[in-house]
Amino acid sequence: MKVSMIICDDGNYPEIWRDCAMKGAELIIRPQGYMYPAKDQQVQVSKTMAWCNQVYVAVANAAGFDGVYTYFGHSAIIGSDGRTLGECGTESNGIQYAQLSISGIRDARANDQSQNQLFKLTHRGYTGVYANGDGEKGVAECPFDWYKTWVNNPKLAQEMAEKVTRKTIGVSCCPVAGIPQPTEEEDELLELTNELDLS
C-alpha cells in the first residue's frame, strides 16, 4: 500500500490531498492537533477528502486538555468511499483499527465509473465527448482559471487571494506574537472595501 502523510493544517487544502492521490497514495495519514470548536469541520474534511480522492484516511487527532487547549480527539480511519471504518471518542490514548483492502482500492480506481474523481478530473465530460465524436478521452486541459494563474503567475494568484481575503498577514482582532498587525489605516481600508463591495 502506498502511503502519504499530511500534517495538521496542510490537510485543510484540498490541493494537497489531490497531489498525494495523483502521486499514487492509497492511504493518507494525517496527524493533527485540533481543538473545539472545529470538531465537526475536521471530521467532515477527512471524510470528504477520502471520497474525493479515492483514498483511505487515518487521522490521529490530539485528545484531552493540555493546560491551554481542549482537543476533541475522534481519531478515525475512513474508507475510500468516505465512510467511517473506525473512530475513537474523546478519550486520551484511544486505539482504533480497521481492515484496509489494497486490491479493493486499486479495483475501485481502475473500474469505478461515476465516483471515480481521480479519473474524471483529467477526462472531463468523457462520456459526452466520446458520444459526440469529439475525442476519445474527454477534456484533459485544466478548466480552472485560478489554478492556471497560480502555476503561471504565483504573485498574481496571491493578489487574487488577497482581493477576496486581506492584504496583511496579521489581523488586529486576533494578534499573534511576532506577526505584524495591520495599521489602523489598513484596517479602515479593509472595512470600507468590504462595505462597498456588495457583489
N, C-alpha and C. Protein backbone atom coordinates (compact mmCIF):
# COMPACT_ATOMS: atom_id res chain seq x y z
N MET A 1 0.85 -1.19 0.00
CA MET A 1 0.00 0.00 0.00
C MET A 1 0.89 1.24 0.00
N LYS A 2 0.55 2.19 -0.85
CA LYS A 2 1.32 3.43 -0.95
C LYS A 2 0.75 4.45 0.04
N VAL A 3 1.63 5.03 0.84
CA VAL A 3 1.21 5.89 1.95
C VAL A 3 1.79 7.29 1.81
N SER A 4 0.98 8.29 2.09
CA SER A 4 1.44 9.68 2.19
C SER A 4 1.04 10.22 3.54
N MET A 5 1.67 11.34 3.94
CA MET A 5 1.33 11.99 5.19
C MET A 5 1.05 13.46 4.95
N ILE A 6 -0.04 13.94 5.53
CA ILE A 6 -0.38 15.36 5.51
C ILE A 6 -0.47 15.78 6.97
N ILE A 7 0.30 16.77 7.35
CA ILE A 7 0.38 17.14 8.76
C ILE A 7 -0.54 18.33 9.07
N CYS A 8 -1.44 18.12 9.97
CA CYS A 8 -2.29 19.13 10.60
C CYS A 8 -2.90 20.12 9.61
N ASP A 9 -2.50 21.39 9.69
CA ASP A 9 -3.15 22.45 8.90
C ASP A 9 -3.08 22.21 7.40
N ASP A 10 -2.03 21.55 6.92
CA ASP A 10 -1.94 21.27 5.48
C ASP A 10 -3.14 20.47 4.98
N GLY A 11 -3.79 19.74 5.87
CA GLY A 11 -4.96 18.96 5.48
C GLY A 11 -6.19 19.79 5.19
N ASN A 12 -6.11 21.10 5.42
CA ASN A 12 -7.25 21.97 5.12
C ASN A 12 -7.25 22.46 3.68
N TYR A 13 -6.29 22.00 2.88
CA TYR A 13 -6.17 22.44 1.49
C TYR A 13 -6.39 21.24 0.57
N PRO A 14 -7.51 21.20 -0.14
CA PRO A 14 -7.82 20.04 -0.98
C PRO A 14 -6.74 19.72 -2.00
N GLU A 15 -6.01 20.74 -2.44
CA GLU A 15 -4.97 20.53 -3.45
C GLU A 15 -3.89 19.57 -2.96
N ILE A 16 -3.59 19.62 -1.67
CA ILE A 16 -2.54 18.74 -1.13
C ILE A 16 -3.00 17.28 -1.13
N TRP A 17 -4.25 17.05 -0.76
CA TRP A 17 -4.80 15.69 -0.81
C TRP A 17 -4.76 15.16 -2.25
N ARG A 18 -5.18 15.99 -3.21
CA ARG A 18 -5.21 15.56 -4.60
C ARG A 18 -3.79 15.27 -5.10
N ASP A 19 -2.83 16.10 -4.69
CA ASP A 19 -1.44 15.89 -5.08
C ASP A 19 -0.94 14.53 -4.59
N CYS A 20 -1.24 14.20 -3.34
CA CYS A 20 -0.84 12.90 -2.79
C CYS A 20 -1.49 11.75 -3.55
N ALA A 21 -2.80 11.88 -3.80
CA ALA A 21 -3.53 10.81 -4.50
C ALA A 21 -3.02 10.63 -5.92
N MET A 22 -2.78 11.73 -6.63
CA MET A 22 -2.30 11.64 -8.01
C MET A 22 -0.88 11.08 -8.09
N LYS A 23 -0.16 11.14 -6.99
CA LYS A 23 1.18 10.53 -6.94
C LYS A 23 1.10 9.07 -6.51
N GLY A 24 -0.14 8.56 -6.32
CA GLY A 24 -0.32 7.14 -6.06
C GLY A 24 -0.69 6.77 -4.64
N ALA A 25 -0.84 7.74 -3.73
CA ALA A 25 -1.17 7.40 -2.34
C ALA A 25 -2.50 6.66 -2.27
N GLU A 26 -2.51 5.59 -1.50
CA GLU A 26 -3.74 4.82 -1.26
C GLU A 26 -4.22 4.99 0.18
N LEU A 27 -3.31 5.40 1.03
CA LEU A 27 -3.61 5.72 2.43
C LEU A 27 -2.92 7.05 2.74
N ILE A 28 -3.69 8.00 3.26
CA ILE A 28 -3.11 9.25 3.71
C ILE A 28 -3.29 9.34 5.21
N ILE A 29 -2.17 9.51 5.90
CA ILE A 29 -2.17 9.62 7.35
C ILE A 29 -2.09 11.10 7.70
N ARG A 30 -2.95 11.52 8.62
CA ARG A 30 -2.98 12.94 9.00
C ARG A 30 -2.90 13.08 10.52
N PRO A 31 -1.69 13.28 11.06
CA PRO A 31 -1.58 13.64 12.48
C PRO A 31 -1.96 15.11 12.65
N GLN A 32 -2.76 15.41 13.67
CA GLN A 32 -3.22 16.78 13.83
C GLN A 32 -3.50 17.07 15.30
N GLY A 33 -3.55 18.34 15.62
CA GLY A 33 -3.89 18.78 16.97
C GLY A 33 -4.99 19.81 16.91
N TYR A 34 -6.21 19.36 16.63
CA TYR A 34 -7.33 20.30 16.51
C TYR A 34 -8.19 20.28 17.76
N MET A 35 -8.66 21.48 18.08
CA MET A 35 -9.45 21.64 19.28
C MET A 35 -10.84 22.16 18.94
N TYR A 36 -11.69 22.16 19.92
CA TYR A 36 -13.02 22.75 19.73
C TYR A 36 -12.83 24.23 19.40
N PRO A 37 -13.68 24.86 18.57
CA PRO A 37 -14.96 24.37 18.07
C PRO A 37 -14.88 23.75 16.67
N ALA A 38 -13.71 23.29 16.23
CA ALA A 38 -13.56 22.83 14.84
C ALA A 38 -13.82 21.33 14.65
N LYS A 39 -14.42 20.67 15.63
CA LYS A 39 -14.61 19.22 15.53
C LYS A 39 -15.39 18.79 14.30
N ASP A 40 -16.60 19.32 14.12
CA ASP A 40 -17.45 18.88 13.00
C ASP A 40 -16.77 19.12 11.66
N GLN A 41 -16.12 20.27 11.52
CA GLN A 41 -15.46 20.60 10.26
C GLN A 41 -14.31 19.65 9.97
N GLN A 42 -13.51 19.34 10.97
CA GLN A 42 -12.33 18.48 10.74
C GLN A 42 -12.74 17.04 10.46
N VAL A 43 -13.78 16.55 11.11
CA VAL A 43 -14.28 15.20 10.82
C VAL A 43 -14.78 15.16 9.37
N GLN A 44 -15.50 16.21 8.97
CA GLN A 44 -16.04 16.25 7.60
C GLN A 44 -14.93 16.34 6.55
N VAL A 45 -13.87 17.11 6.84
CA VAL A 45 -12.75 17.22 5.89
C VAL A 45 -12.17 15.84 5.59
N SER A 46 -11.93 15.05 6.61
CA SER A 46 -11.34 13.72 6.40
C SER A 46 -12.23 12.84 5.54
N LYS A 47 -13.52 12.86 5.82
CA LYS A 47 -14.45 12.02 5.05
C LYS A 47 -14.56 12.50 3.60
N THR A 48 -14.66 13.80 3.44
CA THR A 48 -14.80 14.35 2.09
C THR A 48 -13.55 14.12 1.26
N MET A 49 -12.38 14.34 1.84
CA MET A 49 -11.13 14.16 1.09
C MET A 49 -10.90 12.68 0.75
N ALA A 50 -11.33 11.78 1.62
CA ALA A 50 -11.23 10.34 1.32
C ALA A 50 -12.06 10.02 0.08
N TRP A 51 -13.30 10.48 0.07
CA TRP A 51 -14.20 10.19 -1.04
C TRP A 51 -13.76 10.89 -2.33
N CYS A 52 -13.38 12.14 -2.24
CA CYS A 52 -12.99 12.89 -3.44
C CYS A 52 -11.72 12.35 -4.09
N ASN A 53 -10.89 11.69 -3.30
CA ASN A 53 -9.60 11.23 -3.82
C ASN A 53 -9.45 9.72 -3.83
N GLN A 54 -10.53 8.98 -3.55
CA GLN A 54 -10.48 7.52 -3.53
C GLN A 54 -9.26 7.03 -2.76
N VAL A 55 -9.19 7.44 -1.50
CA VAL A 55 -8.04 7.12 -0.68
C VAL A 55 -8.50 6.81 0.75
N TYR A 56 -7.85 5.86 1.39
CA TYR A 56 -8.10 5.65 2.82
C TYR A 56 -7.46 6.80 3.58
N VAL A 57 -8.07 7.17 4.70
CA VAL A 57 -7.53 8.23 5.54
C VAL A 57 -7.46 7.73 6.98
N ALA A 58 -6.32 7.94 7.61
CA ALA A 58 -6.15 7.65 9.03
C ALA A 58 -5.79 8.95 9.73
N VAL A 59 -6.69 9.43 10.58
CA VAL A 59 -6.49 10.69 11.29
C VAL A 59 -6.14 10.39 12.73
N ALA A 60 -5.03 10.97 13.20
CA ALA A 60 -4.65 10.87 14.60
C ALA A 60 -4.73 12.28 15.19
N ASN A 61 -5.82 12.54 15.90
CA ASN A 61 -6.02 13.87 16.48
C ASN A 61 -5.73 13.84 17.98
N ALA A 62 -5.17 14.93 18.47
CA ALA A 62 -4.91 15.05 19.91
C ALA A 62 -6.23 14.98 20.68
N ALA A 63 -6.15 14.53 21.92
CA ALA A 63 -7.34 14.45 22.77
C ALA A 63 -6.99 14.95 24.17
N GLY A 64 -7.96 15.53 24.84
CA GLY A 64 -7.76 15.98 26.21
C GLY A 64 -7.35 17.44 26.31
N PHE A 65 -6.98 17.83 27.52
CA PHE A 65 -6.64 19.21 27.83
C PHE A 65 -5.15 19.30 28.12
N ASP A 66 -4.47 20.25 27.48
CA ASP A 66 -3.01 20.38 27.70
C ASP A 66 -2.65 21.58 28.58
N GLY A 67 -3.63 22.15 29.25
CA GLY A 67 -3.40 23.31 30.09
C GLY A 67 -3.77 24.61 29.40
N VAL A 68 -3.90 24.56 28.08
CA VAL A 68 -4.29 25.73 27.30
C VAL A 68 -5.50 25.40 26.42
N TYR A 69 -5.38 24.31 25.65
CA TYR A 69 -6.42 23.94 24.69
C TYR A 69 -7.08 22.62 25.06
N THR A 70 -8.33 22.47 24.64
CA THR A 70 -9.04 21.21 24.79
C THR A 70 -9.20 20.60 23.39
N TYR A 71 -8.53 19.47 23.16
CA TYR A 71 -8.55 18.80 21.86
C TYR A 71 -9.69 17.79 21.85
N PHE A 72 -10.36 17.69 20.70
CA PHE A 72 -11.60 16.90 20.65
C PHE A 72 -11.40 15.42 20.37
N GLY A 73 -10.19 14.96 20.09
CA GLY A 73 -9.98 13.54 19.83
C GLY A 73 -10.61 13.10 18.52
N HIS A 74 -11.40 12.05 18.59
CA HIS A 74 -12.10 11.49 17.43
C HIS A 74 -11.13 11.11 16.30
N SER A 75 -9.99 10.54 16.69
CA SER A 75 -9.11 9.94 15.68
C SER A 75 -9.92 8.88 14.95
N ALA A 76 -9.66 8.72 13.67
CA ALA A 76 -10.54 7.84 12.89
C ALA A 76 -9.82 7.24 11.70
N ILE A 77 -10.39 6.17 11.19
CA ILE A 77 -9.98 5.55 9.93
C ILE A 77 -11.18 5.65 9.00
N ILE A 78 -10.94 6.23 7.82
CA ILE A 78 -12.01 6.49 6.87
C ILE A 78 -11.77 5.66 5.61
N GLY A 79 -12.84 5.05 5.10
CA GLY A 79 -12.74 4.28 3.87
C GLY A 79 -12.65 5.19 2.66
N SER A 80 -12.22 4.62 1.55
CA SER A 80 -12.06 5.41 0.33
C SER A 80 -13.39 5.88 -0.24
N ASP A 81 -14.49 5.41 0.33
CA ASP A 81 -15.82 5.88 -0.07
C ASP A 81 -16.35 6.95 0.89
N GLY A 82 -15.50 7.38 1.84
CA GLY A 82 -15.88 8.44 2.76
C GLY A 82 -16.60 7.98 4.01
N ARG A 83 -16.79 6.67 4.16
CA ARG A 83 -17.47 6.16 5.36
C ARG A 83 -16.47 5.86 6.46
N THR A 84 -16.87 6.08 7.69
CA THR A 84 -16.02 5.82 8.84
C THR A 84 -15.91 4.31 9.07
N LEU A 85 -14.66 3.83 9.13
CA LEU A 85 -14.42 2.41 9.38
C LEU A 85 -14.14 2.15 10.85
N GLY A 86 -13.64 3.14 11.54
CA GLY A 86 -13.36 3.04 12.97
C GLY A 86 -13.08 4.42 13.52
N GLU A 87 -13.58 4.70 14.72
CA GLU A 87 -13.40 6.04 15.28
C GLU A 87 -13.29 5.98 16.79
N CYS A 88 -12.32 6.72 17.33
CA CYS A 88 -12.20 6.87 18.78
C CYS A 88 -13.17 7.93 19.26
N GLY A 89 -13.29 8.03 20.55
CA GLY A 89 -14.09 9.10 21.15
C GLY A 89 -13.18 10.24 21.58
N THR A 90 -13.47 10.79 22.73
CA THR A 90 -12.67 11.91 23.24
C THR A 90 -11.60 11.46 24.23
N GLU A 91 -11.51 10.17 24.47
CA GLU A 91 -10.57 9.65 25.46
C GLU A 91 -9.11 9.86 25.03
N SER A 92 -8.25 10.03 26.00
CA SER A 92 -6.81 10.10 25.71
C SER A 92 -6.32 8.68 25.44
N ASN A 93 -5.34 8.55 24.57
CA ASN A 93 -4.73 7.26 24.24
C ASN A 93 -5.72 6.24 23.68
N GLY A 94 -6.71 6.71 22.95
CA GLY A 94 -7.66 5.81 22.31
C GLY A 94 -7.00 5.03 21.18
N ILE A 95 -7.49 3.83 20.95
CA ILE A 95 -6.97 2.98 19.87
C ILE A 95 -8.15 2.50 19.03
N GLN A 96 -7.96 2.52 17.72
CA GLN A 96 -8.99 2.04 16.80
C GLN A 96 -8.29 1.33 15.64
N TYR A 97 -8.97 0.41 15.02
CA TYR A 97 -8.37 -0.31 13.89
C TYR A 97 -9.44 -0.59 12.85
N ALA A 98 -8.97 -0.91 11.64
CA ALA A 98 -9.87 -1.29 10.56
C ALA A 98 -9.08 -2.08 9.53
N GLN A 99 -9.77 -2.90 8.78
CA GLN A 99 -9.13 -3.66 7.71
C GLN A 99 -9.20 -2.85 6.42
N LEU A 100 -8.04 -2.63 5.80
CA LEU A 100 -7.97 -1.89 4.54
C LEU A 100 -7.65 -2.87 3.42
N SER A 101 -8.27 -2.67 2.28
CA SER A 101 -8.09 -3.59 1.17
C SER A 101 -7.29 -2.93 0.05
N ILE A 102 -6.08 -3.41 -0.16
CA ILE A 102 -5.26 -2.88 -1.25
C ILE A 102 -5.91 -3.21 -2.59
N SER A 103 -6.36 -4.45 -2.74
CA SER A 103 -6.99 -4.82 -4.02
C SER A 103 -8.30 -4.06 -4.20
N GLY A 104 -9.02 -3.79 -3.13
CA GLY A 104 -10.28 -3.07 -3.23
C GLY A 104 -10.11 -1.64 -3.72
N ILE A 105 -9.13 -0.93 -3.17
CA ILE A 105 -8.93 0.46 -3.59
C ILE A 105 -8.38 0.51 -5.01
N ARG A 106 -7.50 -0.44 -5.35
CA ARG A 106 -6.96 -0.45 -6.71
C ARG A 106 -8.03 -0.82 -7.73
N ASP A 107 -8.92 -1.73 -7.36
CA ASP A 107 -10.02 -2.10 -8.26
C ASP A 107 -10.98 -0.91 -8.44
N ALA A 108 -11.27 -0.18 -7.36
CA ALA A 108 -12.17 0.97 -7.45
C ALA A 108 -11.58 2.04 -8.36
N ARG A 109 -10.30 2.30 -8.22
CA ARG A 109 -9.66 3.32 -9.06
C ARG A 109 -9.64 2.90 -10.53
N ALA A 110 -9.52 1.61 -10.78
CA ALA A 110 -9.45 1.14 -12.16
C ALA A 110 -10.83 0.99 -12.79
N ASN A 111 -11.86 0.67 -11.99
CA ASN A 111 -13.14 0.29 -12.58
C ASN A 111 -14.35 1.12 -12.19
N ASP A 112 -14.26 1.93 -11.14
CA ASP A 112 -15.42 2.76 -10.79
C ASP A 112 -15.70 3.75 -11.92
N GLN A 113 -16.96 4.03 -12.14
CA GLN A 113 -17.35 4.92 -13.23
C GLN A 113 -17.71 6.30 -12.69
N SER A 114 -18.90 6.46 -12.15
CA SER A 114 -19.38 7.79 -11.78
C SER A 114 -18.70 8.36 -10.53
N GLN A 115 -18.14 7.51 -9.69
CA GLN A 115 -17.50 8.00 -8.47
C GLN A 115 -15.97 7.95 -8.55
N ASN A 116 -15.45 8.02 -9.75
CA ASN A 116 -14.01 7.93 -9.95
C ASN A 116 -13.44 9.34 -10.19
N GLN A 117 -13.38 10.13 -9.12
CA GLN A 117 -12.97 11.53 -9.24
C GLN A 117 -11.56 11.69 -9.80
N LEU A 118 -10.65 10.81 -9.45
CA LEU A 118 -9.26 10.94 -9.94
C LEU A 118 -9.21 10.82 -11.46
N PHE A 119 -9.99 9.91 -12.01
CA PHE A 119 -10.03 9.75 -13.46
C PHE A 119 -10.78 10.90 -14.11
N LYS A 120 -11.95 11.21 -13.58
CA LYS A 120 -12.83 12.19 -14.21
C LYS A 120 -12.23 13.59 -14.25
N LEU A 121 -11.41 13.94 -13.28
CA LEU A 121 -10.84 15.29 -13.25
C LEU A 121 -10.03 15.60 -14.50
N THR A 122 -9.29 14.61 -14.99
CA THR A 122 -8.44 14.82 -16.17
C THR A 122 -9.03 14.22 -17.44
N HIS A 123 -10.28 13.80 -17.35
CA HIS A 123 -11.01 13.27 -18.52
C HIS A 123 -12.41 13.87 -18.49
N ARG A 124 -12.48 15.17 -18.27
CA ARG A 124 -13.76 15.84 -18.02
C ARG A 124 -14.74 15.66 -19.18
N GLY A 125 -15.97 15.26 -18.79
CA GLY A 125 -17.03 15.10 -19.77
C GLY A 125 -16.79 13.98 -20.76
N TYR A 126 -16.01 12.97 -20.37
CA TYR A 126 -15.59 11.94 -21.34
C TYR A 126 -16.74 11.20 -21.99
N THR A 127 -17.83 10.97 -21.28
CA THR A 127 -18.93 10.25 -21.90
C THR A 127 -19.56 11.06 -23.03
N GLY A 128 -19.80 12.35 -22.78
CA GLY A 128 -20.38 13.21 -23.81
C GLY A 128 -19.42 13.49 -24.94
N VAL A 129 -18.15 13.71 -24.61
CA VAL A 129 -17.13 13.97 -25.65
C VAL A 129 -17.02 12.77 -26.58
N TYR A 130 -16.98 11.58 -26.01
CA TYR A 130 -16.87 10.37 -26.82
C TYR A 130 -18.14 10.16 -27.65
N ALA A 131 -19.31 10.31 -27.01
CA ALA A 131 -20.59 10.07 -27.70
C ALA A 131 -20.79 11.03 -28.88
N ASN A 132 -20.26 12.25 -28.74
CA ASN A 132 -20.40 13.24 -29.81
C ASN A 132 -19.31 13.15 -30.87
N GLY A 133 -18.38 12.21 -30.68
CA GLY A 133 -17.29 12.07 -31.64
C GLY A 133 -16.26 13.18 -31.56
N ASP A 134 -16.20 13.85 -30.39
CA ASP A 134 -15.27 14.98 -30.22
C ASP A 134 -13.93 14.57 -29.61
N GLY A 135 -13.74 13.30 -29.37
CA GLY A 135 -12.49 12.84 -28.78
C GLY A 135 -12.68 11.49 -28.12
N GLU A 136 -11.56 10.90 -27.75
CA GLU A 136 -11.58 9.56 -27.17
C GLU A 136 -11.61 9.53 -25.66
N LYS A 137 -11.09 10.60 -25.00
CA LYS A 137 -10.90 10.51 -23.56
C LYS A 137 -11.41 11.70 -22.77
N GLY A 138 -12.20 12.56 -23.33
CA GLY A 138 -12.66 13.73 -22.59
C GLY A 138 -11.65 14.86 -22.65
N VAL A 139 -11.93 15.91 -21.91
CA VAL A 139 -11.10 17.11 -21.93
C VAL A 139 -10.01 17.00 -20.86
N ALA A 140 -8.75 17.09 -21.29
CA ALA A 140 -7.63 16.97 -20.35
C ALA A 140 -7.18 18.32 -19.81
N GLU A 141 -7.40 19.39 -20.55
CA GLU A 141 -6.91 20.71 -20.14
C GLU A 141 -7.59 21.18 -18.85
N CYS A 142 -6.82 21.78 -17.97
CA CYS A 142 -7.36 22.32 -16.72
C CYS A 142 -8.31 23.47 -17.03
N PRO A 143 -9.58 23.36 -16.60
CA PRO A 143 -10.55 24.40 -16.90
C PRO A 143 -10.62 25.51 -15.85
N PHE A 144 -9.76 25.44 -14.84
CA PHE A 144 -9.87 26.35 -13.71
C PHE A 144 -8.86 27.49 -13.83
N ASP A 145 -9.37 28.67 -14.12
CA ASP A 145 -8.50 29.83 -14.36
C ASP A 145 -7.57 30.14 -13.19
N TRP A 146 -8.09 30.05 -11.97
CA TRP A 146 -7.25 30.41 -10.83
C TRP A 146 -6.05 29.46 -10.70
N TYR A 147 -6.25 28.18 -10.94
CA TYR A 147 -5.14 27.23 -10.87
C TYR A 147 -4.09 27.51 -11.95
N LYS A 148 -4.57 27.86 -13.14
CA LYS A 148 -3.63 28.22 -14.21
C LYS A 148 -2.81 29.44 -13.80
N THR A 149 -3.49 30.41 -13.20
CA THR A 149 -2.79 31.61 -12.74
C THR A 149 -1.78 31.26 -11.67
N TRP A 150 -2.17 30.41 -10.72
CA TRP A 150 -1.27 30.03 -9.62
C TRP A 150 0.00 29.38 -10.16
N VAL A 151 -0.14 28.54 -11.17
CA VAL A 151 1.03 27.86 -11.75
C VAL A 151 1.89 28.83 -12.56
N ASN A 152 1.24 29.67 -13.35
CA ASN A 152 1.98 30.54 -14.28
C ASN A 152 2.38 31.89 -13.72
N ASN A 153 1.67 32.36 -12.70
CA ASN A 153 1.95 33.68 -12.14
C ASN A 153 1.58 33.68 -10.66
N PRO A 154 2.41 33.06 -9.81
CA PRO A 154 2.06 32.92 -8.39
C PRO A 154 1.78 34.24 -7.68
N LYS A 155 2.49 35.29 -8.03
CA LYS A 155 2.26 36.58 -7.38
C LYS A 155 0.87 37.12 -7.71
N LEU A 156 0.43 36.94 -8.95
CA LEU A 156 -0.91 37.37 -9.33
C LEU A 156 -1.95 36.54 -8.59
N ALA A 157 -1.71 35.25 -8.44
CA ALA A 157 -2.63 34.40 -7.69
C ALA A 157 -2.72 34.86 -6.24
N GLN A 158 -1.58 35.25 -5.67
CA GLN A 158 -1.56 35.76 -4.30
C GLN A 158 -2.40 37.04 -4.20
N GLU A 159 -2.26 37.91 -5.19
CA GLU A 159 -3.04 39.14 -5.20
C GLU A 159 -4.54 38.84 -5.34
N MET A 160 -4.88 37.83 -6.14
CA MET A 160 -6.29 37.44 -6.29
C MET A 160 -6.84 36.95 -4.94
N ALA A 161 -6.05 36.16 -4.22
CA ALA A 161 -6.48 35.68 -2.90
C ALA A 161 -6.65 36.84 -1.93
N GLU A 162 -5.71 37.79 -2.00
CA GLU A 162 -5.79 38.96 -1.11
C GLU A 162 -7.01 39.82 -1.42
N LYS A 163 -7.42 39.83 -2.66
CA LYS A 163 -8.58 40.64 -3.05
C LYS A 163 -9.86 40.14 -2.38
N VAL A 164 -9.96 38.84 -2.17
CA VAL A 164 -11.15 38.28 -1.55
C VAL A 164 -10.95 37.97 -0.06
N THR A 165 -9.73 38.23 0.46
CA THR A 165 -9.47 38.00 1.89
C THR A 165 -8.90 39.27 2.52
N ARG A 166 -7.56 39.37 2.55
CA ARG A 166 -6.89 40.53 3.14
C ARG A 166 -5.48 40.64 2.58
N LYS A 167 -4.85 41.80 2.74
CA LYS A 167 -3.51 42.02 2.21
C LYS A 167 -2.41 41.82 3.25
N THR A 168 -2.76 41.81 4.53
CA THR A 168 -1.77 41.71 5.60
C THR A 168 -1.76 40.30 6.17
N ILE A 169 -0.59 39.87 6.70
CA ILE A 169 -0.55 38.53 7.28
C ILE A 169 -1.12 38.50 8.68
N GLY A 170 -1.11 39.63 9.37
CA GLY A 170 -1.70 39.72 10.70
C GLY A 170 -3.08 40.34 10.64
N VAL A 171 -3.87 40.08 11.67
CA VAL A 171 -5.18 40.73 11.80
C VAL A 171 -5.28 41.31 13.20
N SER A 172 -5.85 42.50 13.29
CA SER A 172 -5.90 43.19 14.58
C SER A 172 -6.82 42.51 15.58
N CYS A 173 -7.85 41.81 15.11
CA CYS A 173 -8.80 41.18 16.02
C CYS A 173 -8.26 39.89 16.63
N CYS A 174 -7.16 39.35 16.08
CA CYS A 174 -6.59 38.10 16.60
C CYS A 174 -5.07 38.16 16.47
N PRO A 175 -4.41 38.98 17.30
CA PRO A 175 -2.97 39.16 17.17
C PRO A 175 -2.20 37.88 17.52
N VAL A 176 -1.11 37.67 16.78
CA VAL A 176 -0.21 36.55 17.01
C VAL A 176 1.18 37.13 17.27
N ALA A 177 1.80 36.71 18.33
CA ALA A 177 3.12 37.24 18.70
C ALA A 177 4.11 37.06 17.55
N GLY A 178 4.80 38.14 17.22
CA GLY A 178 5.82 38.09 16.17
C GLY A 178 5.29 38.35 14.77
N ILE A 179 3.99 38.41 14.59
CA ILE A 179 3.38 38.67 13.28
C ILE A 179 2.91 40.12 13.27
N PRO A 180 3.34 40.91 12.28
CA PRO A 180 2.92 42.31 12.26
C PRO A 180 1.42 42.45 12.04
N GLN A 181 0.84 43.35 12.81
CA GLN A 181 -0.59 43.63 12.67
C GLN A 181 -0.78 44.74 11.64
N PRO A 182 -1.94 44.79 11.03
CA PRO A 182 -2.20 45.87 10.07
C PRO A 182 -2.26 47.22 10.78
N THR A 183 -1.92 48.25 10.04
CA THR A 183 -2.04 49.59 10.60
C THR A 183 -3.52 49.96 10.69
N GLU A 184 -3.79 51.02 11.43
CA GLU A 184 -5.17 51.48 11.56
C GLU A 184 -5.74 51.85 10.20
N GLU A 185 -4.90 52.45 9.35
CA GLU A 185 -5.36 52.83 8.01
C GLU A 185 -5.71 51.59 7.18
N GLU A 186 -4.89 50.54 7.29
CA GLU A 186 -5.17 49.31 6.54
C GLU A 186 -6.47 48.67 7.02
N ASP A 187 -6.70 48.68 8.34
CA ASP A 187 -7.94 48.15 8.89
C ASP A 187 -9.15 48.92 8.37
N GLU A 188 -9.04 50.25 8.37
CA GLU A 188 -10.14 51.09 7.90
C GLU A 188 -10.40 50.86 6.42
N LEU A 189 -9.32 50.73 5.63
CA LEU A 189 -9.47 50.49 4.20
C LEU A 189 -10.14 49.15 3.94
N LEU A 190 -9.74 48.12 4.68
CA LEU A 190 -10.35 46.80 4.51
C LEU A 190 -11.84 46.84 4.85
N GLU A 191 -12.17 47.51 5.96
CA GLU A 191 -13.57 47.63 6.37
C GLU A 191 -14.39 48.38 5.32
N LEU A 192 -13.83 49.46 4.81
CA LEU A 192 -14.52 50.25 3.79
C LEU A 192 -14.69 49.45 2.50
N THR A 193 -13.64 48.73 2.10
CA THR A 193 -13.69 47.92 0.89
C THR A 193 -14.78 46.86 1.01
N ASN A 194 -14.86 46.20 2.16
CA ASN A 194 -15.88 45.17 2.37
C ASN A 194 -17.29 45.75 2.37
N GLU A 195 -17.43 46.97 2.89
CA GLU A 195 -18.75 47.60 2.90
C GLU A 195 -19.19 48.00 1.50
N LEU A 196 -18.24 48.48 0.68
CA LEU A 196 -18.58 48.96 -0.65
C LEU A 196 -18.76 47.85 -1.67
N ASP A 197 -18.09 46.72 -1.46
CA ASP A 197 -18.17 45.61 -2.42
C ASP A 197 -19.33 44.70 -2.07
N LEU A 198 -20.48 45.01 -2.58
CA LEU A 198 -21.68 44.25 -2.28
C LEU A 198 -21.98 43.17 -3.31
N SER A 199 -21.05 42.98 -4.24
CA SER A 199 -21.29 41.99 -5.29
C SER A 199 -21.15 40.58 -4.74
